[in-house]
Amino acid sequence: MNILANAINALEEFHTTRTHQDRPTQPSQIVMRTSFLNRQWAEIAIADNGAGTPKAIQSQIFEPFFTTKPTGKSTRMGISIRHQMIAKKHSGRLICRSVPGQGAEFLIQIPVQQRIYVAS
């Protein structure tokens, strides 16, 4: 949900930078899809057609306390925590693909079979 909320926020911000003429011909959209990469991996993709993430900061987006939002608009932990949850708790991957000016896509890849941890 956090990744979807980030896509919505990105589109809202991008919407304010576009002209009135651009909005009907290039409406803001979020596309979600699910698929199997193979028999071992499932993927959830969430993509938006917003402004995208500049190349200079793409390598930083999963770092704790990093944000592109103004002060007071972010906890600075959302994507970092999601990355940790997917990687550590589910043995998965969170990947960001972004082209500035064309939007961003987050890929959540998780193993189909999860390890079961029994608390002792």
N, C-alpha and C. Protein backbone atom coordinates (compact mmCIF):
# COMPACT_ATOMS: atom_id res chain seq x y z
N MET A 1 0.83 -1.20 0.00
CA MET A 1 0.00 0.00 0.00
C MET A 1 0.87 1.26 0.00
N ASN A 2 2.00 1.21 0.70
CA ASN A 2 2.88 2.36 0.74
C ASN A 2 3.39 2.72 -0.65
N ILE A 3 3.74 1.72 -1.43
CA ILE A 3 4.25 1.98 -2.78
C ILE A 3 3.15 2.55 -3.67
N LEU A 4 1.94 2.05 -3.52
CA LEU A 4 0.80 2.60 -4.26
C LEU A 4 0.54 4.05 -3.83
N ALA A 5 0.59 4.31 -2.53
CA ALA A 5 0.39 5.68 -2.03
C ALA A 5 1.47 6.62 -2.58
N ASN A 6 2.71 6.13 -2.67
CA ASN A 6 3.78 6.95 -3.24
C ASN A 6 3.51 7.26 -4.72
N ALA A 7 2.97 6.30 -5.45
CA ALA A 7 2.63 6.54 -6.86
C ALA A 7 1.54 7.60 -6.99
N ILE A 8 0.54 7.53 -6.12
CA ILE A 8 -0.52 8.53 -6.12
C ILE A 8 0.05 9.91 -5.82
N ASN A 9 0.92 10.00 -4.81
CA ASN A 9 1.55 11.29 -4.47
C ASN A 9 2.39 11.81 -5.63
N ALA A 10 3.12 10.94 -6.28
CA ALA A 10 3.96 11.35 -7.41
C ALA A 10 3.10 11.93 -8.53
N LEU A 11 1.97 11.30 -8.80
CA LEU A 11 1.08 11.81 -9.85
C LEU A 11 0.44 13.13 -9.46
N GLU A 12 0.07 13.27 -8.19
CA GLU A 12 -0.50 14.54 -7.74
C GLU A 12 0.49 15.68 -7.90
N GLU A 13 1.75 15.43 -7.54
CA GLU A 13 2.80 16.45 -7.69
C GLU A 13 3.05 16.75 -9.16
N PHE A 14 3.12 15.71 -9.98
CA PHE A 14 3.37 15.89 -11.42
C PHE A 14 2.22 16.63 -12.08
N HIS A 15 1.00 16.36 -11.64
CA HIS A 15 -0.19 17.00 -12.20
C HIS A 15 -0.11 18.52 -12.09
N THR A 16 0.45 19.01 -11.00
CA THR A 16 0.53 20.46 -10.80
C THR A 16 1.53 21.13 -11.73
N THR A 17 2.45 20.35 -12.32
CA THR A 17 3.46 20.94 -13.21
C THR A 17 3.03 20.94 -14.67
N ARG A 18 1.93 20.25 -14.97
CA ARG A 18 1.50 20.13 -16.36
C ARG A 18 0.51 21.21 -16.73
N THR A 19 0.45 21.51 -18.02
CA THR A 19 -0.49 22.53 -18.48
C THR A 19 -1.89 21.94 -18.58
N HIS A 20 -2.85 22.81 -18.62
CA HIS A 20 -4.25 22.39 -18.73
C HIS A 20 -4.48 21.60 -20.03
N GLN A 21 -3.75 21.94 -21.09
CA GLN A 21 -3.88 21.25 -22.37
C GLN A 21 -3.29 19.84 -22.33
N ASP A 22 -2.23 19.63 -21.53
CA ASP A 22 -1.59 18.32 -21.44
C ASP A 22 -2.44 17.30 -20.69
N ARG A 23 -3.19 17.75 -19.73
CA ARG A 23 -3.90 16.83 -18.83
C ARG A 23 -4.88 15.90 -19.54
N PRO A 24 -5.74 16.38 -20.47
CA PRO A 24 -6.66 15.44 -21.12
C PRO A 24 -5.97 14.49 -22.11
N THR A 25 -4.91 14.94 -22.76
CA THR A 25 -4.25 14.10 -23.77
C THR A 25 -3.29 13.10 -23.16
N GLN A 26 -2.79 13.40 -21.96
CA GLN A 26 -1.89 12.49 -21.25
C GLN A 26 -2.34 12.37 -19.80
N PRO A 27 -3.47 11.67 -19.57
CA PRO A 27 -3.98 11.58 -18.20
C PRO A 27 -3.05 10.81 -17.29
N SER A 28 -3.04 11.21 -16.04
CA SER A 28 -2.24 10.50 -15.04
C SER A 28 -2.81 9.09 -14.86
N GLN A 29 -1.91 8.11 -14.74
CA GLN A 29 -2.39 6.75 -14.55
C GLN A 29 -1.40 5.92 -13.74
N ILE A 30 -1.97 4.94 -13.07
CA ILE A 30 -1.21 3.94 -12.34
C ILE A 30 -1.61 2.59 -12.91
N VAL A 31 -0.63 1.79 -13.25
CA VAL A 31 -0.89 0.46 -13.78
C VAL A 31 -0.30 -0.55 -12.80
N MET A 32 -1.12 -1.51 -12.41
CA MET A 32 -0.65 -2.58 -11.53
C MET A 32 -0.83 -3.90 -12.27
N ARG A 33 0.14 -4.77 -12.10
CA ARG A 33 0.03 -6.09 -12.72
C ARG A 33 0.70 -7.11 -11.81
N THR A 34 0.25 -8.33 -11.93
CA THR A 34 0.87 -9.43 -11.22
C THR A 34 1.23 -10.50 -12.24
N SER A 35 2.31 -11.21 -11.97
CA SER A 35 2.72 -12.27 -12.88
C SER A 35 3.65 -13.23 -12.16
N PHE A 36 3.87 -14.36 -12.79
CA PHE A 36 4.88 -15.29 -12.32
C PHE A 36 6.09 -15.11 -13.21
N LEU A 37 7.25 -14.91 -12.61
CA LEU A 37 8.48 -14.81 -13.38
C LEU A 37 8.90 -16.20 -13.86
N ASN A 38 8.67 -17.17 -12.99
CA ASN A 38 8.91 -18.58 -13.29
C ASN A 38 8.19 -19.37 -12.19
N ARG A 39 8.48 -20.62 -12.02
CA ARG A 39 7.77 -21.43 -11.03
C ARG A 39 8.12 -21.05 -9.59
N GLN A 40 9.24 -20.36 -9.40
CA GLN A 40 9.69 -20.03 -8.05
C GLN A 40 9.37 -18.59 -7.62
N TRP A 41 9.14 -17.70 -8.57
CA TRP A 41 9.00 -16.28 -8.23
C TRP A 41 7.71 -15.67 -8.78
N ALA A 42 7.07 -14.85 -7.92
CA ALA A 42 5.91 -14.05 -8.33
C ALA A 42 6.33 -12.57 -8.31
N GLU A 43 5.65 -11.78 -9.12
CA GLU A 43 6.00 -10.36 -9.21
C GLU A 43 4.73 -9.51 -9.19
N ILE A 44 4.80 -8.43 -8.42
CA ILE A 44 3.77 -7.40 -8.41
C ILE A 44 4.44 -6.13 -8.91
N ALA A 45 3.89 -5.52 -9.94
CA ALA A 45 4.46 -4.30 -10.49
C ALA A 45 3.47 -3.16 -10.32
N ILE A 46 3.98 -2.01 -9.86
CA ILE A 46 3.17 -0.80 -9.72
C ILE A 46 3.90 0.30 -10.47
N ALA A 47 3.27 0.81 -11.52
CA ALA A 47 3.91 1.82 -12.37
C ALA A 47 3.03 3.06 -12.47
N ASP A 48 3.68 4.21 -12.54
CA ASP A 48 2.95 5.47 -12.78
C ASP A 48 3.60 6.19 -13.95
N ASN A 49 2.88 7.12 -14.52
CA ASN A 49 3.42 7.91 -15.62
C ASN A 49 3.69 9.35 -15.17
N GLY A 50 4.22 9.48 -13.96
CA GLY A 50 4.56 10.78 -13.40
C GLY A 50 5.90 11.29 -13.90
N ALA A 51 6.54 12.10 -13.08
CA ALA A 51 7.79 12.74 -13.47
C ALA A 51 8.98 11.80 -13.45
N GLY A 52 8.86 10.67 -12.74
CA GLY A 52 10.00 9.76 -12.63
C GLY A 52 10.99 10.24 -11.58
N THR A 53 12.00 9.41 -11.36
CA THR A 53 13.03 9.72 -10.38
C THR A 53 14.33 10.05 -11.09
N PRO A 54 14.93 11.20 -10.81
CA PRO A 54 16.19 11.55 -11.46
C PRO A 54 17.27 10.48 -11.22
N LYS A 55 18.07 10.21 -12.23
CA LYS A 55 19.13 9.19 -12.14
C LYS A 55 20.05 9.45 -10.94
N ALA A 56 20.32 10.71 -10.65
CA ALA A 56 21.25 11.06 -9.58
C ALA A 56 20.81 10.56 -8.21
N ILE A 57 19.51 10.34 -8.00
CA ILE A 57 19.06 9.91 -6.68
C ILE A 57 18.48 8.49 -6.66
N GLN A 58 18.40 7.83 -7.81
CA GLN A 58 17.82 6.49 -7.85
C GLN A 58 18.55 5.50 -6.95
N SER A 59 19.84 5.64 -6.81
CA SER A 59 20.60 4.70 -5.97
C SER A 59 20.38 4.95 -4.48
N GLN A 60 19.75 6.07 -4.12
CA GLN A 60 19.56 6.42 -2.71
C GLN A 60 18.16 6.12 -2.17
N ILE A 61 17.23 5.78 -3.03
CA ILE A 61 15.82 5.74 -2.58
C ILE A 61 15.52 4.68 -1.53
N PHE A 62 16.33 3.64 -1.42
CA PHE A 62 16.08 2.60 -0.42
C PHE A 62 16.84 2.85 0.88
N GLU A 63 17.58 3.94 0.96
CA GLU A 63 18.34 4.26 2.17
C GLU A 63 17.42 4.85 3.24
N PRO A 64 17.61 4.43 4.50
CA PRO A 64 16.80 5.02 5.58
C PRO A 64 16.99 6.54 5.64
N PHE A 65 15.91 7.23 5.92
CA PHE A 65 15.87 8.69 6.09
C PHE A 65 16.02 9.48 4.80
N PHE A 66 16.14 8.82 3.66
CA PHE A 66 16.20 9.56 2.40
C PHE A 66 14.79 9.85 1.93
N THR A 67 14.56 11.06 1.47
CA THR A 67 13.26 11.43 0.90
C THR A 67 13.45 12.52 -0.14
N THR A 68 12.52 12.57 -1.07
CA THR A 68 12.50 13.65 -2.05
C THR A 68 11.41 14.66 -1.68
N LYS A 69 10.69 14.37 -0.61
CA LYS A 69 9.57 15.22 -0.20
C LYS A 69 10.06 16.35 0.69
N PRO A 70 9.31 17.46 0.70
CA PRO A 70 9.69 18.58 1.58
C PRO A 70 9.62 18.19 3.05
N THR A 71 10.32 18.94 3.88
CA THR A 71 10.33 18.70 5.32
C THR A 71 8.90 18.69 5.85
N GLY A 72 8.61 17.68 6.67
CA GLY A 72 7.29 17.57 7.26
C GLY A 72 6.29 16.79 6.43
N LYS A 73 6.63 16.44 5.21
CA LYS A 73 5.71 15.71 4.33
C LYS A 73 6.02 14.22 4.27
N SER A 74 7.02 13.77 5.00
CA SER A 74 7.42 12.37 4.92
C SER A 74 7.99 11.91 6.25
N THR A 75 7.81 10.61 6.53
CA THR A 75 8.46 10.03 7.70
C THR A 75 9.89 9.64 7.36
N ARG A 76 10.22 9.64 6.08
CA ARG A 76 11.54 9.29 5.56
C ARG A 76 11.88 7.82 5.79
N MET A 77 10.89 7.00 6.00
CA MET A 77 11.15 5.59 6.26
C MET A 77 10.35 4.65 5.37
N GLY A 78 9.35 5.14 4.65
CA GLY A 78 8.43 4.29 3.92
C GLY A 78 9.09 3.28 2.99
N ILE A 79 9.81 3.74 1.99
CA ILE A 79 10.41 2.83 1.01
C ILE A 79 11.51 2.00 1.64
N SER A 80 12.27 2.57 2.54
CA SER A 80 13.32 1.83 3.22
C SER A 80 12.75 0.66 4.00
N ILE A 81 11.68 0.89 4.74
CA ILE A 81 11.04 -0.17 5.52
C ILE A 81 10.45 -1.22 4.59
N ARG A 82 9.81 -0.80 3.51
CA ARG A 82 9.23 -1.75 2.55
C ARG A 82 10.33 -2.62 1.93
N HIS A 83 11.44 -2.00 1.62
CA HIS A 83 12.56 -2.74 1.05
C HIS A 83 13.04 -3.81 2.03
N GLN A 84 13.20 -3.43 3.29
CA GLN A 84 13.64 -4.38 4.32
C GLN A 84 12.63 -5.50 4.52
N MET A 85 11.35 -5.17 4.55
CA MET A 85 10.31 -6.18 4.74
C MET A 85 10.32 -7.20 3.61
N ILE A 86 10.37 -6.70 2.39
CA ILE A 86 10.34 -7.59 1.23
C ILE A 86 11.60 -8.44 1.18
N ALA A 87 12.76 -7.83 1.43
CA ALA A 87 14.03 -8.56 1.33
C ALA A 87 14.25 -9.52 2.50
N LYS A 88 14.04 -9.03 3.70
CA LYS A 88 14.37 -9.86 4.87
C LYS A 88 13.24 -10.80 5.28
N LYS A 89 12.05 -10.28 5.41
CA LYS A 89 10.94 -11.11 5.89
C LYS A 89 10.44 -12.09 4.83
N HIS A 90 10.47 -11.67 3.58
CA HIS A 90 9.91 -12.51 2.52
C HIS A 90 10.97 -13.05 1.55
N SER A 91 12.24 -12.80 1.82
CA SER A 91 13.34 -13.24 0.95
C SER A 91 13.14 -12.80 -0.50
N GLY A 92 12.62 -11.60 -0.65
CA GLY A 92 12.31 -11.09 -1.98
C GLY A 92 13.17 -9.92 -2.40
N ARG A 93 12.70 -9.25 -3.43
CA ARG A 93 13.43 -8.10 -3.98
C ARG A 93 12.44 -6.96 -4.26
N LEU A 94 12.89 -5.75 -4.04
CA LEU A 94 12.15 -4.55 -4.42
C LEU A 94 13.05 -3.79 -5.37
N ILE A 95 12.57 -3.59 -6.58
CA ILE A 95 13.37 -2.98 -7.63
C ILE A 95 12.64 -1.74 -8.13
N CYS A 96 13.38 -0.67 -8.36
CA CYS A 96 12.81 0.54 -8.94
C CYS A 96 13.39 0.75 -10.32
N ARG A 97 12.50 0.93 -11.28
CA ARG A 97 12.90 1.33 -12.64
C ARG A 97 12.24 2.67 -12.90
N SER A 98 13.04 3.62 -13.29
CA SER A 98 12.48 4.95 -13.52
C SER A 98 13.22 5.65 -14.64
N VAL A 99 12.43 6.34 -15.46
CA VAL A 99 12.98 7.18 -16.51
C VAL A 99 12.43 8.58 -16.27
N PRO A 100 13.32 9.53 -15.97
CA PRO A 100 12.84 10.89 -15.73
C PRO A 100 11.97 11.38 -16.90
N GLY A 101 10.82 11.95 -16.54
CA GLY A 101 9.88 12.44 -17.54
C GLY A 101 8.90 11.39 -18.03
N GLN A 102 9.11 10.12 -17.65
CA GLN A 102 8.22 9.06 -18.13
C GLN A 102 7.57 8.27 -17.00
N GLY A 103 8.03 8.43 -15.78
CA GLY A 103 7.41 7.74 -14.66
C GLY A 103 8.34 6.76 -13.97
N ALA A 104 7.75 5.99 -13.07
CA ALA A 104 8.51 5.02 -12.29
C ALA A 104 7.72 3.73 -12.17
N GLU A 105 8.45 2.65 -12.02
CA GLU A 105 7.83 1.34 -11.80
C GLU A 105 8.57 0.65 -10.67
N PHE A 106 7.81 0.17 -9.70
CA PHE A 106 8.37 -0.62 -8.61
C PHE A 106 7.96 -2.06 -8.82
N LEU A 107 8.95 -2.94 -8.75
CA LEU A 107 8.72 -4.37 -8.91
C LEU A 107 8.94 -5.04 -7.57
N ILE A 108 7.94 -5.73 -7.09
CA ILE A 108 8.03 -6.50 -5.86
C ILE A 108 8.10 -7.96 -6.29
N GLN A 109 9.23 -8.59 -6.05
CA GLN A 109 9.43 -9.98 -6.45
C GLN A 109 9.60 -10.82 -5.19
N ILE A 110 8.76 -11.83 -5.06
CA ILE A 110 8.82 -12.68 -3.87
C ILE A 110 8.79 -14.15 -4.28
N PRO A 111 9.47 -15.00 -3.51
CA PRO A 111 9.41 -16.43 -3.79
C PRO A 111 7.99 -16.96 -3.56
N VAL A 112 7.57 -17.88 -4.40
CA VAL A 112 6.24 -18.46 -4.27
C VAL A 112 6.15 -19.27 -2.98
N GLN A 113 7.18 -20.00 -2.65
CA GLN A 113 7.21 -20.78 -1.41
C GLN A 113 8.01 -20.00 -0.37
N GLN A 114 7.37 -19.71 0.73
CA GLN A 114 8.02 -18.97 1.81
C GLN A 114 8.53 -19.93 2.88
N ARG A 115 9.60 -19.54 3.51
CA ARG A 115 10.09 -20.28 4.67
C ARG A 115 9.16 -20.00 5.84
N ILE A 116 8.91 -21.00 6.61
CA ILE A 116 8.05 -20.84 7.79
C ILE A 116 8.96 -20.78 9.01
N TYR A 117 8.84 -19.69 9.75
CA TYR A 117 9.63 -19.52 10.96
C TYR A 117 8.76 -19.84 12.16
N VAL A 118 9.26 -20.68 13.02
CA VAL A 118 8.53 -21.03 14.23
C VAL A 118 9.24 -20.36 15.40
N ALA A 119 8.48 -19.55 16.11
CA ALA A 119 9.04 -18.86 17.27
C ALA A 119 9.25 -19.86 18.40
N SER A 120 10.38 -19.76 19.07
CA SER A 120 10.63 -20.70 20.16
C SER A 120 10.60 -20.00 21.50
